[in-house]
Amino acid sequence: RDGLETPLPDHAPPSAPRRVDDEARVVVPGGPFVMG
């Protein structure tokens, strides 16, 4: 909604993030796992 008068409740500040490489990746090795 563009014309909303009432903001959503926001009672907690954002968590304090550490400095990270936001393009970092991890490799997940192949193999079976249990899904579901």
Full PDB file with SEQRES, HELIX, SHEET, SSBOND, CRYST1, ORIGX, SCALE, CONECT and MASTER records, all heavy atoms in Angstrom:
SEQRES   1 A   36  ARG ASP GLY LEU GLU THR PRO LEU PRO ASP HIS ALA PRO          
SEQRES   2 A   36  PRO SER ALA PRO ARG ARG VAL ASP ASP GLU ALA ARG VAL          
SEQRES   3 A   36  VAL VAL PRO GLY GLY PRO PHE VAL MET GLY                      
CRYST1    1.000    1.000    1.000  90.00  90.00  90.00 P 1           1          
ORIGX1      1.000000  0.000000  0.000000        0.00000                         
ORIGX2      0.000000  1.000000  0.000000        0.00000                         
ORIGX3      0.000000  0.000000  1.000000        0.00000                         
SCALE1      1.000000  0.000000  0.000000        0.00000                         
SCALE2      0.000000  1.000000  0.000000        0.00000                         
SCALE3      0.000000  0.000000  1.000000        0.00000                         
ATOM      1  N   ARG A   1       0.829  -1.206   0.000  1.00  0.00           N  
ATOM      2  CA  ARG A   1       0.000   0.000   0.000  1.00  0.00           C  
ATOM      3  C   ARG A   1       0.864   1.256   0.000  1.00  0.00           C  
ATOM      4  O   ARG A   1       1.765   1.390   0.816  1.00  0.00           O  
ATOM      5  CB  ARG A   1      -0.914   0.019   1.218  1.00  0.00           C  
ATOM      6  CG  ARG A   1      -1.800  -1.207   1.322  1.00  0.00           C  
ATOM      7  CD  ARG A   1      -2.734  -1.090   2.496  1.00  0.00           C  
ATOM      8  NE  ARG A   1      -3.413  -2.367   2.727  1.00  0.00           N  
ATOM      9  CZ  ARG A   1      -4.588  -2.472   3.333  1.00  0.00           C  
ATOM     10  NH1 ARG A   1      -5.190  -1.399   3.774  1.00  0.00           N  
ATOM     11  NH2 ARG A   1      -5.132  -3.650   3.509  1.00  0.00           N  
ATOM     12  N   ASP A   2       0.524   2.195  -0.865  1.00  0.00           N  
ATOM     13  CA  ASP A   2       1.255   3.458  -0.901  1.00  0.00           C  
ATOM     14  C   ASP A   2       0.763   4.429   0.172  1.00  0.00           C  
ATOM     15  O   ASP A   2       1.538   5.204   0.716  1.00  0.00           O  
ATOM     16  CB  ASP A   2       1.113   4.119  -2.278  1.00  0.00           C  
ATOM     17  CG  ASP A   2       1.892   3.380  -3.351  1.00  0.00           C  
ATOM     18  OD1 ASP A   2       2.864   2.695  -2.999  1.00  0.00           O  
ATOM     19  OD2 ASP A   2       1.523   3.485  -4.526  1.00  0.00           O  
ATOM     20  N   GLY A   3      -0.529   4.413   0.476  1.00  0.00           N  
ATOM     21  CA  GLY A   3      -1.088   5.421   1.367  1.00  0.00           C  
ATOM     22  C   GLY A   3      -1.294   4.958   2.793  1.00  0.00           C  
ATOM     23  O   GLY A   3      -2.079   5.554   3.534  1.00  0.00           O  
ATOM     24  N   LEU A   4      -0.594   3.933   3.213  1.00  0.00           N  
ATOM     25  CA  LEU A   4      -0.779   3.413   4.565  1.00  0.00           C  
ATOM     26  C   LEU A   4      -0.331   4.434   5.603  1.00  0.00           C  
ATOM     27  O   LEU A   4       0.730   5.034   5.486  1.00  0.00           O  
ATOM     28  CB  LEU A   4       0.008   2.121   4.737  1.00  0.00           C  
ATOM     29  CG  LEU A   4      -0.244   1.337   6.027  1.00  0.00           C  
ATOM     30  CD1 LEU A   4      -1.619   0.689   5.996  1.00  0.00           C  
ATOM     31  CD2 LEU A   4       0.822   0.263   6.208  1.00  0.00           C  
ATOM     32  N   GLU A   5      -1.166   4.651   6.607  1.00  0.00           N  
ATOM     33  CA  GLU A   5      -0.852   5.626   7.643  1.00  0.00           C  
ATOM     34  C   GLU A   5      -0.088   5.018   8.810  1.00  0.00           C  
ATOM     35  O   GLU A   5       0.630   5.707   9.521  1.00  0.00           O  
ATOM     36  CB  GLU A   5      -2.145   6.256   8.173  1.00  0.00           C  
ATOM     37  CG  GLU A   5      -2.951   7.002   7.111  1.00  0.00           C  
ATOM     38  CD  GLU A   5      -4.278   7.497   7.653  1.00  0.00           C  
ATOM     39  OE1 GLU A   5      -4.474   7.410   8.879  1.00  0.00           O  
ATOM     40  OE2 GLU A   5      -5.107   7.967   6.857  1.00  0.00           O  
ATOM     41  N   THR A   6      -0.259   3.718   9.045  1.00  0.00           N  
ATOM     42  CA  THR A   6       0.259   3.079  10.246  1.00  0.00           C  
ATOM     43  C   THR A   6       1.425   2.163   9.912  1.00  0.00           C  
ATOM     44  O   THR A   6       1.239   1.150   9.261  1.00  0.00           O  
ATOM     45  CB  THR A   6      -0.854   2.254  10.922  1.00  0.00           C  
ATOM     46  OG1 THR A   6      -2.009   3.070  11.093  1.00  0.00           O  
ATOM     47  CG2 THR A   6      -0.383   1.754  12.282  1.00  0.00           C  
ATOM     48  N   PRO A   7       2.634   2.502  10.354  1.00  0.00           N  
ATOM     49  CA  PRO A   7       3.765   1.602  10.106  1.00  0.00           C  
ATOM     50  C   PRO A   7       3.596   0.281  10.836  1.00  0.00           C  
ATOM     51  O   PRO A   7       2.897   0.186  11.841  1.00  0.00           O  
ATOM     52  CB  PRO A   7       4.968   2.388  10.669  1.00  0.00           C  
ATOM     53  CG  PRO A   7       4.503   3.796  10.794  1.00  0.00           C  
ATOM     54  CD  PRO A   7       3.027   3.717  11.041  1.00  0.00           C  
ATOM     55  N   LEU A   8       4.264  -0.738  10.312  1.00  0.00           N  
ATOM     56  CA  LEU A   8       4.267  -2.019  11.002  1.00  0.00           C  
ATOM     57  C   LEU A   8       4.990  -1.903  12.335  1.00  0.00           C  
ATOM     58  O   LEU A   8       5.918  -1.103  12.476  1.00  0.00           O  
ATOM     59  CB  LEU A   8       4.981  -3.069  10.146  1.00  0.00           C  
ATOM     60  CG  LEU A   8       4.234  -3.623   8.944  1.00  0.00           C  
ATOM     61  CD1 LEU A   8       5.188  -4.428   8.075  1.00  0.00           C  
ATOM     62  CD2 LEU A   8       3.084  -4.488   9.392  1.00  0.00           C  
ATOM     63  N   PRO A   9       4.595  -2.699  13.318  1.00  0.00           N  
ATOM     64  CA  PRO A   9       5.361  -2.730  14.577  1.00  0.00           C  
ATOM     65  C   PRO A   9       6.811  -3.095  14.304  1.00  0.00           C  
ATOM     66  O   PRO A   9       7.100  -3.957  13.485  1.00  0.00           O  
ATOM     67  CB  PRO A   9       4.653  -3.825  15.386  1.00  0.00           C  
ATOM     68  CG  PRO A   9       3.296  -3.958  14.784  1.00  0.00           C  
ATOM     69  CD  PRO A   9       3.458  -3.628  13.331  1.00  0.00           C  
ATOM     70  N   ASP A  10       7.717  -2.415  14.962  1.00  0.00           N  
ATOM     71  CA  ASP A  10       9.143  -2.639  14.740  1.00  0.00           C  
ATOM     72  C   ASP A  10       9.850  -2.366  16.059  1.00  0.00           C  
ATOM     73  O   ASP A  10      10.443  -1.324  16.256  1.00  0.00           O  
ATOM     74  CB  ASP A  10       9.656  -1.704  13.644  1.00  0.00           C  
ATOM     75  CG  ASP A  10      10.994  -2.167  13.062  1.00  0.00           C  
ATOM     76  OD1 ASP A  10      11.577  -3.106  13.628  1.00  0.00           O  
ATOM     77  OD2 ASP A  10      11.427  -1.591  12.061  1.00  0.00           O  
ATOM     78  N   HIS A  11       9.758  -3.339  16.972  1.00  0.00           N  
ATOM     79  CA  HIS A  11      10.206  -3.094  18.334  1.00  0.00           C  
ATOM     80  C   HIS A  11      11.630  -3.526  18.600  1.00  0.00           C  
ATOM     81  O   HIS A  11      12.124  -3.366  19.706  1.00  0.00           O  
ATOM     82  CB  HIS A  11       9.275  -3.804  19.322  1.00  0.00           C  
ATOM     83  CG  HIS A  11       9.329  -5.303  19.235  1.00  0.00           C  
ATOM     84  ND1 HIS A  11       8.755  -6.000  18.208  1.00  0.00           N  
ATOM     85  CD2 HIS A  11       9.895  -6.226  20.049  1.00  0.00           C  
ATOM     86  CE1 HIS A  11       8.952  -7.288  18.381  1.00  0.00           C  
ATOM     87  NE2 HIS A  11       9.652  -7.462  19.485  1.00  0.00           N  
ATOM     88  N   ALA A  12      12.313  -4.082  17.600  1.00  0.00           N  
ATOM     89  CA  ALA A  12      13.679  -4.545  17.819  1.00  0.00           C  
ATOM     90  C   ALA A  12      14.609  -3.900  16.799  1.00  0.00           C  
ATOM     91  O   ALA A  12      14.268  -3.808  15.619  1.00  0.00           O  
ATOM     92  CB  ALA A  12      13.752  -6.061  17.709  1.00  0.00           C  
ATOM     93  N   PRO A  13      15.783  -3.448  17.224  1.00  0.00           N  
ATOM     94  CA  PRO A  13      16.744  -2.904  16.257  1.00  0.00           C  
ATOM     95  C   PRO A  13      17.324  -4.022  15.416  1.00  0.00           C  
ATOM     96  O   PRO A  13      17.273  -5.202  15.801  1.00  0.00           O  
ATOM     97  CB  PRO A  13      17.812  -2.278  17.157  1.00  0.00           C  
ATOM     98  CG  PRO A  13      17.762  -3.095  18.409  1.00  0.00           C  
ATOM     99  CD  PRO A  13      16.310  -3.468  18.591  1.00  0.00           C  
ATOM    100  N   PRO A  14      17.897  -3.701  14.259  1.00  0.00           N  
ATOM    101  CA  PRO A  14      18.535  -4.753  13.475  1.00  0.00           C  
ATOM    102  C   PRO A  14      19.712  -5.347  14.222  1.00  0.00           C  
ATOM    103  O   PRO A  14      20.355  -4.679  15.037  1.00  0.00           O  
ATOM    104  CB  PRO A  14      18.986  -4.023  12.207  1.00  0.00           C  
ATOM    105  CG  PRO A  14      19.082  -2.594  12.601  1.00  0.00           C  
ATOM    106  CD  PRO A  14      18.022  -2.380  13.632  1.00  0.00           C  
ATOM    107  N   SER A  15      19.972  -6.604  13.968  1.00  0.00           N  
ATOM    108  CA  SER A  15      21.151  -7.222  14.550  1.00  0.00           C  
ATOM    109  C   SER A  15      22.411  -6.524  14.028  1.00  0.00           C  
ATOM    110  O   SER A  15      22.415  -5.962  12.934  1.00  0.00           O  
ATOM    111  CB  SER A  15      21.202  -8.711  14.193  1.00  0.00           C  
ATOM    112  OG  SER A  15      20.082  -9.383  14.724  1.00  0.00           O  
ATOM    113  N   ALA A  16      23.447  -6.533  14.833  1.00  0.00           N  
ATOM    114  CA  ALA A  16      24.701  -5.899  14.437  1.00  0.00           C  
ATOM    115  C   ALA A  16      25.493  -6.864  13.568  1.00  0.00           C  
ATOM    116  O   ALA A  16      26.041  -7.853  14.082  1.00  0.00           O  
ATOM    117  CB  ALA A  16      25.504  -5.511  15.671  1.00  0.00           C  
ATOM    118  N   PRO A  17      25.557  -6.634  12.252  1.00  0.00           N  
ATOM    119  CA  PRO A  17      26.247  -7.601  11.392  1.00  0.00           C  
ATOM    120  C   PRO A  17      27.755  -7.423  11.461  1.00  0.00           C  
ATOM    121  O   PRO A  17      28.270  -6.325  11.689  1.00  0.00           O  
ATOM    122  CB  PRO A  17      25.725  -7.243  10.001  1.00  0.00           C  
ATOM    123  CG  PRO A  17      25.455  -5.768  10.080  1.00  0.00           C  
ATOM    124  CD  PRO A  17      24.992  -5.513  11.491  1.00  0.00           C  
ATOM    125  N   ARG A  18      28.467  -8.520  11.273  1.00  0.00           N  
ATOM    126  CA  ARG A  18      29.909  -8.407  11.100  1.00  0.00           C  
ATOM    127  C   ARG A  18      30.196  -8.081   9.644  1.00  0.00           C  
ATOM    128  O   ARG A  18      29.332  -8.241   8.788  1.00  0.00           O  
ATOM    129  CB  ARG A  18      30.574  -9.710  11.521  1.00  0.00           C  
ATOM    130  CG  ARG A  18      30.292 -10.903  10.613  1.00  0.00           C  
ATOM    131  CD  ARG A  18      30.592 -12.205  11.342  1.00  0.00           C  
ATOM    132  NE  ARG A  18      30.686 -13.349  10.449  1.00  0.00           N  
ATOM    133  CZ  ARG A  18      29.638 -13.991   9.957  1.00  0.00           C  
ATOM    134  NH1 ARG A  18      28.405 -13.574  10.233  1.00  0.00           N  
ATOM    135  NH2 ARG A  18      29.814 -15.042   9.176  1.00  0.00           N  
ATOM    136  N   ARG A  19      31.385  -7.600   9.369  1.00  0.00           N  
ATOM    137  CA  ARG A  19      31.758  -7.313   7.985  1.00  0.00           C  
ATOM    138  C   ARG A  19      31.992  -8.632   7.253  1.00  0.00           C  
ATOM    139  O   ARG A  19      32.766  -9.477   7.713  1.00  0.00           O  
ATOM    140  CB  ARG A  19      33.015  -6.451   7.937  1.00  0.00           C  
ATOM    141  CG  ARG A  19      32.808  -5.057   8.503  1.00  0.00           C  
ATOM    142  CD  ARG A  19      34.112  -4.285   8.508  1.00  0.00           C  
ATOM    143  NE  ARG A  19      34.596  -4.054   7.158  1.00  0.00           N  
ATOM    144  CZ  ARG A  19      34.263  -3.013   6.396  1.00  0.00           C  
ATOM    145  NH1 ARG A  19      33.413  -2.104   6.868  1.00  0.00           N  
ATOM    146  NH2 ARG A  19      34.753  -2.869   5.176  1.00  0.00           N  
ATOM    147  N   VAL A  20      31.316  -8.822   6.145  1.00  0.00           N  
ATOM    148  CA  VAL A  20      31.426 -10.073   5.403  1.00  0.00           C  
ATOM    149  C   VAL A  20      31.565  -9.778   3.919  1.00  0.00           C  
ATOM    150  O   VAL A  20      31.218  -8.693   3.440  1.00  0.00           O  
ATOM    151  CB  VAL A  20      30.199 -10.981   5.627  1.00  0.00           C  
ATOM    152  CG1 VAL A  20      30.053 -11.368   7.090  1.00  0.00           C  
ATOM    153  CG2 VAL A  20      28.914 -10.317   5.116  1.00  0.00           C  
ATOM    154  N   ASP A  21      32.051 -10.744   3.197  1.00  0.00           N  
ATOM    155  CA  ASP A  21      32.059 -10.718   1.741  1.00  0.00           C  
ATOM    156  C   ASP A  21      30.700 -11.233   1.285  1.00  0.00           C  
ATOM    157  O   ASP A  21      30.421 -12.438   1.370  1.00  0.00           O  
ATOM    158  CB  ASP A  21      33.189 -11.600   1.215  1.00  0.00           C  
ATOM    159  CG  ASP A  21      33.192 -11.726  -0.310  1.00  0.00           C  
ATOM    160  OD1 ASP A  21      32.366 -11.069  -0.965  1.00  0.00           O  
ATOM    161  OD2 ASP A  21      34.020 -12.507  -0.834  1.00  0.00           O  
ATOM    162  N   ASP A  22      29.851 -10.338   0.805  1.00  0.00           N  
ATOM    163  CA  ASP A  22      28.484 -10.754   0.474  1.00  0.00           C  
ATOM    164  C   ASP A  22      28.407 -11.586  -0.797  1.00  0.00           C  
ATOM    165  O   ASP A  22      27.321 -12.040  -1.180  1.00  0.00           O  
ATOM    166  CB  ASP A  22      27.534  -9.551   0.403  1.00  0.00           C  
ATOM    167  CG  ASP A  22      27.852  -8.586  -0.729  1.00  0.00           C  
ATOM    168  OD1 ASP A  22      28.847  -8.798  -1.453  1.00  0.00           O  
ATOM    169  OD2 ASP A  22      27.090  -7.609  -0.896  1.00  0.00           O  
ATOM    170  N   GLU A  23      29.531 -11.820  -1.456  1.00  0.00           N  
ATOM    171  CA  GLU A  23      29.568 -12.709  -2.619  1.00  0.00           C  
ATOM    172  C   GLU A  23      30.229 -14.046  -2.306  1.00  0.00           C  
ATOM    173  O   GLU A  23      30.453 -14.857  -3.214  1.00  0.00           O  
ATOM    174  CB  GLU A  23      30.309 -12.033  -3.774  1.00  0.00           C  
ATOM    175  CG  GLU A  23      29.624 -10.772  -4.273  1.00  0.00           C  
ATOM    176  CD  GLU A  23      30.296 -10.204  -5.512  1.00  0.00           C  
ATOM    177  OE1 GLU A  23      30.521 -10.965  -6.467  1.00  0.00           O  
ATOM    178  OE2 GLU A  23      30.594  -8.998  -5.511  1.00  0.00           O  
ATOM    179  N   ALA A  24      30.529 -14.302  -1.038  1.00  0.00           N  
ATOM    180  CA  ALA A  24      31.200 -15.545  -0.661  1.00  0.00           C  
ATOM    181  C   ALA A  24      30.327 -16.749  -0.988  1.00  0.00           C  
ATOM    182  O   ALA A  24      29.093 -16.676  -0.945  1.00  0.00           O  
ATOM    183  CB  ALA A  24      31.533 -15.526   0.829  1.00  0.00           C  
ATOM    184  N   ARG A  25      30.989 -17.875  -1.293  1.00  0.00           N  
ATOM    185  CA  ARG A  25      30.279 -19.120  -1.620  1.00  0.00           C  
ATOM    186  C   ARG A  25      30.854 -20.258  -0.796  1.00  0.00           C  
ATOM    187  O   ARG A  25      31.977 -20.182  -0.301  1.00  0.00           O  
ATOM    188  CB  ARG A  25      30.437 -19.457  -3.099  1.00  0.00           C  
ATOM    189  CG  ARG A  25      30.038 -18.358  -4.047  1.00  0.00           C  
ATOM    190  CD  ARG A  25      30.491 -18.685  -5.471  1.00  0.00           C  
ATOM    191  NE  ARG A  25      30.416 -17.509  -6.316  1.00  0.00           N  
ATOM    192  CZ  ARG A  25      31.025 -17.404  -7.488  1.00  0.00           C  
ATOM    193  NH1 ARG A  25      31.747 -18.436  -7.945  1.00  0.00           N  
ATOM    194  NH2 ARG A  25      30.931 -16.303  -8.205  1.00  0.00           N  
ATOM    195  N   VAL A  26      30.065 -21.307  -0.693  1.00  0.00           N  
ATOM    196  CA  VAL A  26      30.555 -22.549  -0.101  1.00  0.00           C  
ATOM    197  C   VAL A  26      30.289 -23.669  -1.102  1.00  0.00           C  
ATOM    198  O   VAL A  26      29.379 -23.576  -1.933  1.00  0.00           O  
ATOM    199  CB  VAL A  26      29.859 -22.869   1.241  1.00  0.00           C  
ATOM    200  CG1 VAL A  26      30.083 -21.757   2.250  1.00  0.00           C  
ATOM    201  CG2 VAL A  26      28.360 -23.103   1.043  1.00  0.00           C  
ATOM    202  N   VAL A  27      31.091 -24.709  -1.017  1.00  0.00           N  
ATOM    203  CA  VAL A  27      30.885 -25.894  -1.870  1.00  0.00           C  
ATOM    204  C   VAL A  27      30.240 -26.978  -1.022  1.00  0.00           C  
ATOM    205  O   VAL A  27      30.729 -27.306   0.063  1.00  0.00           O  
ATOM    206  CB  VAL A  27      32.214 -26.382  -2.464  1.00  0.00           C  
ATOM    207  CG1 VAL A  27      32.014 -27.715  -3.193  1.00  0.00           C  
ATOM    208  CG2 VAL A  27      32.780 -25.340  -3.420  1.00  0.00           C  
ATOM    209  N   VAL A  28      29.139 -27.487  -1.503  1.00  0.00           N  
ATOM    210  CA  VAL A  28      28.436 -28.583  -0.835  1.00  0.00           C  
ATOM    211  C   VAL A  28      28.772 -29.865  -1.589  1.00  0.00           C  
ATOM    212  O   VAL A  28      28.382 -30.028  -2.753  1.00  0.00           O  
ATOM    213  CB  VAL A  28      26.916 -28.340  -0.820  1.00  0.00           C  
ATOM    214  CG1 VAL A  28      26.195 -29.498  -0.140  1.00  0.00           C  
ATOM    215  CG2 VAL A  28      26.589 -27.017  -0.124  1.00  0.00           C  
ATOM    216  N   PRO A  29      29.520 -30.786  -0.977  1.00  0.00           N  
ATOM    217  CA  PRO A  29      29.934 -32.005  -1.679  1.00  0.00           C  
ATOM    218  C   PRO A  29      28.750 -32.858  -2.113  1.00  0.00           C  
ATOM    219  O   PRO A  29      27.711 -32.909  -1.440  1.00  0.00           O  
ATOM    220  CB  PRO A  29      30.791 -32.735  -0.645  1.00  0.00           C  
ATOM    221  CG  PRO A  29      31.226 -31.674   0.312  1.00  0.00           C  
ATOM    222  CD  PRO A  29      30.097 -30.705   0.369  1.00  0.00           C  
ATOM    223  N   GLY A  30      28.906 -33.533  -3.216  1.00  0.00           N  
ATOM    224  CA  GLY A  30      27.857 -34.403  -3.717  1.00  0.00           C  
ATOM    225  C   GLY A  30      27.651 -35.623  -2.841  1.00  0.00           C  
ATOM    226  O   GLY A  30      28.493 -35.976  -2.017  1.00  0.00           O  
ATOM    227  N   GLY A  31      26.509 -36.243  -3.040  1.00  0.00           N  
ATOM    228  CA  GLY A  31      26.176 -37.434  -2.276  1.00  0.00           C  
ATOM    229  C   GLY A  31      24.721 -37.415  -1.855  1.00  0.00           C  
ATOM    230  O   GLY A  31      24.007 -36.442  -2.057  1.00  0.00           O  
ATOM    231  N   PRO A  32      24.261 -38.508  -1.260  1.00  0.00           N  
ATOM    232  CA  PRO A  32      22.856 -38.592  -0.863  1.00  0.00           C  
ATOM    233  C   PRO A  32      22.594 -37.871   0.454  1.00  0.00           C  
ATOM    234  O   PRO A  32      23.506 -37.647   1.263  1.00  0.00           O  
ATOM    235  CB  PRO A  32      22.645 -40.100  -0.708  1.00  0.00           C  
ATOM    236  CG  PRO A  32      23.999 -40.603  -0.278  1.00  0.00           C  
ATOM    237  CD  PRO A  32      25.002 -39.756  -0.997  1.00  0.00           C  
ATOM    238  N   PHE A  33      21.343 -37.503   0.653  1.00  0.00           N  
ATOM    239  CA  PHE A  33      20.877 -36.997   1.941  1.00  0.00           C  
ATOM    240  C   PHE A  33      19.403 -37.340   2.046  1.00  0.00           C  
ATOM    241  O   PHE A  33      18.762 -37.767   1.076  1.00  0.00           O  
ATOM    242  CB  PHE A  33      21.130 -35.494   2.077  1.00  0.00           C  
ATOM    243  CG  PHE A  33      20.041 -34.624   1.480  1.00  0.00           C  
ATOM    244  CD1 PHE A  33      19.164 -33.926   2.289  1.00  0.00           C  
ATOM    245  CD2 PHE A  33      19.899 -34.516   0.098  1.00  0.00           C  
ATOM    246  CE1 PHE A  33      18.167 -33.133   1.746  1.00  0.00           C  
ATOM    247  CE2 PHE A  33      18.904 -33.712  -0.457  1.00  0.00           C  
ATOM    248  CZ  PHE A  33      18.039 -33.019   0.375  1.00  0.00           C  
ATOM    249  N   VAL A  34      18.858 -37.164   3.238  1.00  0.00           N  
ATOM    250  CA  VAL A  34      17.440 -37.442   3.465  1.00  0.00           C  
ATOM    251  C   VAL A  34      16.655 -36.146   3.323  1.00  0.00           C  
ATOM    252  O   VAL A  34      16.862 -35.195   4.075  1.00  0.00           O  
ATOM    253  CB  VAL A  34      17.209 -38.067   4.850  1.00  0.00           C  
ATOM    254  CG1 VAL A  34      15.709 -38.262   5.093  1.00  0.00           C  
ATOM    255  CG2 VAL A  34      17.943 -39.390   4.959  1.00  0.00           C  
ATOM    256  N   MET A  35      15.755 -36.123   2.356  1.00  0.00           N  
ATOM    257  CA  MET A  35      14.920 -34.948   2.103  1.00  0.00           C  
ATOM    258  C   MET A  35      13.544 -35.174   2.694  1.00  0.00           C  
ATOM    259  O   MET A  35      12.999 -36.278   2.637  1.00  0.00           O  
ATOM    260  CB  MET A  35      14.814 -34.706   0.602  1.00  0.00           C  
ATOM    261  CG  MET A  35      14.132 -33.402   0.220  1.00  0.00           C  
ATOM    262  SD  MET A  35      14.336 -33.080  -1.547  1.00  0.00           S  
ATOM    263  CE  MET A  35      13.576 -31.464  -1.697  1.00  0.00           C  
ATOM    264  N   GLY A  36      12.966 -34.134   3.272  1.00  0.00           N  
ATOM    265  CA  GLY A  36      11.661 -34.252   3.899  1.00  0.00           C  
ATOM    266  C   GLY A  36      11.770 -34.830   5.293  1.00  0.00           C  
ATOM    267  O   GLY A  36      12.855 -34.987   5.853  1.00  0.00           O  
TER     268      GLY A  36                                                      
MASTER        0    0    0    0    0    0    0    6  267    1    0    3          
END                                                                             
